[in-house]
Protein backbone atom coordinates (compact mmCIF):
# COMPACT_ATOMS: atom_id res chain seq x y z
CA ALA A 1 -0.13 0.10 0.12
CA VAL A 2 1.28 3.67 -0.59
CA VAL A 3 0.64 6.02 1.74
CA SER A 4 0.69 9.86 0.51
CA THR A 5 -0.08 13.35 2.02
CA GLN A 6 -1.12 15.96 -0.94
CA SER A 7 -0.85 19.26 -1.09
CA THR A 8 -2.17 21.72 -4.13
CA GLY A 9 -0.58 25.29 -4.43
CA ASP A 10 -2.17 28.16 -5.87
CA TYR A 11 -0.51 30.56 -8.40
CA ARG A 12 -1.16 33.63 -9.70
CA LEU A 13 -1.84 33.86 -13.21
CA ALA A 14 -0.32 35.49 -16.12
CA PRO A 15 -1.22 37.87 -17.67
CA GLU A 16 -1.36 39.72 -14.78
CA HIS A 17 1.37 37.98 -13.15
CA PRO A 18 3.73 36.84 -15.88
CA PHE A 19 7.04 34.68 -15.31
CA PRO A 20 8.92 34.67 -13.30
CA THR A 21 5.90 34.95 -10.61
CA PRO A 22 3.60 31.56 -11.08
CA LEU A 23 7.12 29.71 -11.33
CA LEU A 24 7.77 31.43 -8.02
CA ASP A 25 4.44 30.84 -6.37
CA THR A 26 4.93 27.35 -7.42
CA GLN A 27 8.75 26.91 -5.77
CA TYR A 28 7.49 28.28 -2.81
CA THR A 29 4.78 25.95 -2.30
CA VAL A 30 7.93 23.23 -2.81
CA LEU A 31 10.09 24.86 -0.06
CA TRP A 32 6.73 25.47 2.20
CA ALA A 33 6.11 21.52 2.18
CA GLN A 34 9.48 20.85 2.75
CA LEU A 35 10.02 23.15 5.52
CA ASN A 36 6.66 22.71 6.96
CA ALA A 37 7.16 18.29 6.98
CA GLN A 38 7.25 17.46 10.48
CA LYS A 39 4.17 19.31 11.00
CA LEU A 40 2.52 17.66 8.13
CA GLY A 41 3.98 14.10 8.65
CA ILE A 42 5.84 13.71 5.35
CA ASP A 43 9.42 13.20 5.01
CA PRO A 44 11.00 16.02 2.96
CA SER A 45 12.91 14.13 1.07
CA LYS A 46 10.23 12.23 -0.89
CA VAL A 47 8.30 15.23 -2.40
CA VAL A 48 6.73 14.93 -5.47
CA VAL A 49 5.61 17.56 -8.15
CA MET A 50 3.04 17.05 -10.64
CA GLY A 51 1.18 19.13 -12.97
CA ASP A 52 -0.87 19.43 -16.23
CA SER A 53 -0.54 21.24 -19.09
CA ALA A 54 1.00 24.86 -17.88
CA GLY A 55 0.81 23.19 -14.10
CA GLY A 56 3.33 20.64 -15.83
CA ASN A 57 5.62 23.20 -17.04
CA LEU A 58 5.64 24.65 -13.67
CA ALA A 59 5.93 21.43 -12.10
CA ALA A 60 8.88 20.83 -14.75
CA ALA A 61 10.39 24.43 -14.54
CA VAL A 62 10.54 24.02 -10.45
CA THR A 63 12.18 20.88 -10.42
CA HIS A 64 14.93 22.74 -12.24
CA LEU A 65 15.30 25.53 -10.54
CA HIS A 66 15.14 23.37 -6.83
CA ARG A 67 18.07 21.37 -8.24
CA ASP A 68 20.41 24.73 -9.76
CA GLU A 69 19.27 26.62 -6.27
CA LEU A 70 20.15 23.44 -4.23
CA ASP A 71 23.77 23.05 -6.52
CA MET A 72 24.47 27.05 -6.19
CA GLY A 73 23.68 26.91 -2.08
CA LYS A 74 20.50 29.27 -1.68
CA HIS A 75 18.88 26.45 0.36
CA ASN A 76 19.70 22.99 1.88
CA PHE A 77 16.27 21.17 1.29
CA PRO A 78 16.60 18.00 -0.25
CA PRO A 79 16.11 17.62 -3.91
CA ILE A 80 12.53 16.57 -5.27
CA ARG A 81 12.22 12.94 -5.26
CA ALA A 82 10.06 12.60 -8.85
CA GLN A 83 8.32 14.65 -11.12
CA VAL A 84 5.02 13.94 -12.81
CA LEU A 85 4.00 15.81 -16.01
CA ILE A 86 0.61 15.34 -17.54
CA TYR A 87 0.53 16.60 -21.41
CA PRO A 88 2.95 19.21 -19.82
CA VAL A 89 3.70 22.71 -22.04
CA MET A 90 7.79 22.32 -22.34
CA GLN A 91 8.38 24.32 -25.25
CA ALA A 92 7.15 27.35 -27.86
CA TYR A 93 10.19 27.47 -30.10
CA ASN A 94 8.62 25.01 -32.75
CA HIS A 95 4.78 24.45 -32.97
CA HIS A 96 5.36 22.63 -36.66
CA GLU A 97 6.47 19.11 -35.00
CA GLY A 98 4.81 16.64 -33.29
CA SER A 99 1.28 16.48 -32.13
CA TYR A 100 1.32 20.40 -33.23
CA SER A 101 1.66 19.30 -37.08
CA ARG A 102 -0.98 16.64 -36.62
CA ILE A 103 -3.75 17.33 -34.67
CA LYS A 104 -5.37 20.97 -35.23
CA LEU A 105 -4.98 22.45 -32.03
CA PRO A 106 -6.33 26.17 -31.68
CA MET A 107 -2.81 27.43 -31.91
CA TYR A 108 -3.76 31.09 -31.13
CA ASN A 109 -5.06 30.36 -27.78
CA LEU A 110 -1.69 28.42 -27.07
CA LYS A 111 0.21 31.04 -28.66
CA LYS A 112 -1.80 34.10 -26.86
CA TYR A 113 -1.13 31.97 -23.41
CA VAL A 114 2.68 31.70 -23.88
CA SER A 115 2.59 35.13 -25.12
CA TYR A 116 0.62 36.28 -21.46
CA TYR A 117 2.81 34.32 -19.23
CA VAL A 118 6.43 35.21 -20.91
CA ALA A 119 5.77 39.13 -21.96
CA GLY A 120 2.51 39.91 -19.61
CA ASN A 121 0.75 41.20 -23.26
CA LEU A 122 0.43 39.67 -26.87
CA SER A 123 3.75 41.09 -27.92
CA LEU A 124 5.14 37.64 -28.65
CA ILE A 125 2.07 36.38 -30.65
CA ASP A 126 3.60 36.10 -33.81
CA ARG A 127 7.26 34.55 -32.20
CA VAL A 128 5.71 31.86 -30.34
CA GLY A 129 6.19 28.45 -32.14
CA ASP A 130 7.59 29.79 -35.02
CA PRO A 131 11.29 28.92 -35.08
CA THR A 132 12.24 31.20 -37.92
CA CYS A 133 12.18 33.88 -35.29
CA TYR A 134 14.69 32.62 -33.12
CA ASP A 135 18.65 33.07 -33.90
CA GLY A 136 21.03 30.31 -32.68
CA VAL A 137 18.39 28.00 -31.13
CA PRO A 138 18.01 25.47 -34.37
CA ALA A 139 20.75 23.98 -34.29
CA TYR A 140 20.32 23.11 -30.38
CA TRP A 141 16.00 22.20 -31.46
CA ASN A 142 18.18 20.14 -34.18
CA ALA A 143 19.63 18.20 -31.47
CA ILE A 144 16.81 17.64 -28.69
CA VAL A 145 14.64 16.48 -32.30
CA GLY A 146 17.68 13.86 -33.20
CA THR A 147 18.02 15.43 -36.80
CA ASP A 148 21.74 16.48 -35.57
CA THR A 149 23.44 13.61 -33.43
CA THR A 150 26.53 16.18 -32.94
CA VAL A 151 26.68 16.97 -29.52
CA ARG A 152 26.34 20.69 -28.68
CA GLU A 153 27.19 22.69 -25.77
CA LEU A 154 24.44 25.77 -26.15
CA GLU A 155 24.26 28.49 -23.34
CA VAL A 156 20.41 28.59 -22.27
CA LYS A 157 19.32 31.32 -20.12
CA ARG A 158 18.73 30.48 -16.46
CA SER A 159 17.27 33.56 -15.33
CA LEU A 160 14.35 34.51 -12.71
CA GLU A 161 14.19 38.05 -14.38
CA PHE A 162 10.88 39.49 -16.07
CA SER A 163 11.85 39.58 -19.84
CA PRO A 164 10.05 39.09 -22.98
CA ASP A 165 13.45 37.67 -24.39
CA ASN A 166 12.91 34.57 -22.04
CA MET A 167 12.06 32.76 -24.73
CA ASP A 168 15.26 30.62 -24.18
CA ASN A 169 14.89 30.29 -19.91
CA VAL A 170 14.97 26.61 -19.47
CA TYR A 171 12.92 28.17 -16.17
CA CYS A 172 9.92 29.18 -18.94
CA PHE A 173 10.57 26.19 -21.06
CA PRO A 174 12.36 23.01 -19.24
CA LEU A 175 12.87 21.36 -22.57
CA LEU A 176 15.59 23.43 -23.42
CA GLU A 177 17.82 21.83 -20.46
CA THR A 178 21.14 21.14 -21.77
CA ASN A 179 21.94 19.11 -18.33
CA PRO A 180 19.95 16.69 -16.86
CA ALA A 181 22.19 15.75 -14.31
CA GLY A 182 20.54 15.82 -11.06
CA LEU A 183 17.22 16.25 -12.29
CA PRO A 184 14.52 13.46 -10.26
CA PRO A 185 12.90 10.59 -12.29
CA THR A 186 9.82 11.85 -14.34
CA TYR A 187 7.12 10.32 -15.42
CA VAL A 188 5.49 12.09 -18.64
CA LEU A 189 2.15 11.52 -19.54
CA ALA A 190 1.37 12.75 -23.12
CA LEU A 191 -1.95 10.80 -24.25
CA THR A 192 -3.20 11.45 -27.59
CA LEU A 193 -2.41 15.00 -28.01
CA ASP A 194 2.05 15.27 -27.34
């Protein structure tokens, strides 16, 4: 039998609260659970994060942030034990591949939500999902999708600063991660859409 305690965190939403606010709210929930583990009757080393869609993005992003800040000595909480990502939004670079090309998803809505999350407005709506709008990312993207087998060490952004230039920020779009070392086991549920 599996015994678990679940806690649900809330986060402020874009466009009123663009990145990094939702991620920082999610991080606060994780750290709060670990800090209050004794009161909650849980083991702080067994915290698992889970989310669906935009929440899956936040679960993955907070896992990266938690690992990075632990590595930098910003906190001494245990690593996140695992992440469960249910049809997560992991990138906004190319909406011409995979499920985006096979299934007629409401692209305008997806672009609108991503632009609100990153910029707090619709200023990025024409860049979201269009790989021709980015310098330097195509080589990295080709490595991700397997069309380029050479290993590349590319600089990706790791920032908690608000900026419309966060389209290449790992904390906005975790699929851009170039260093998976130290990330926990991950379960991804994609269903038929991804």
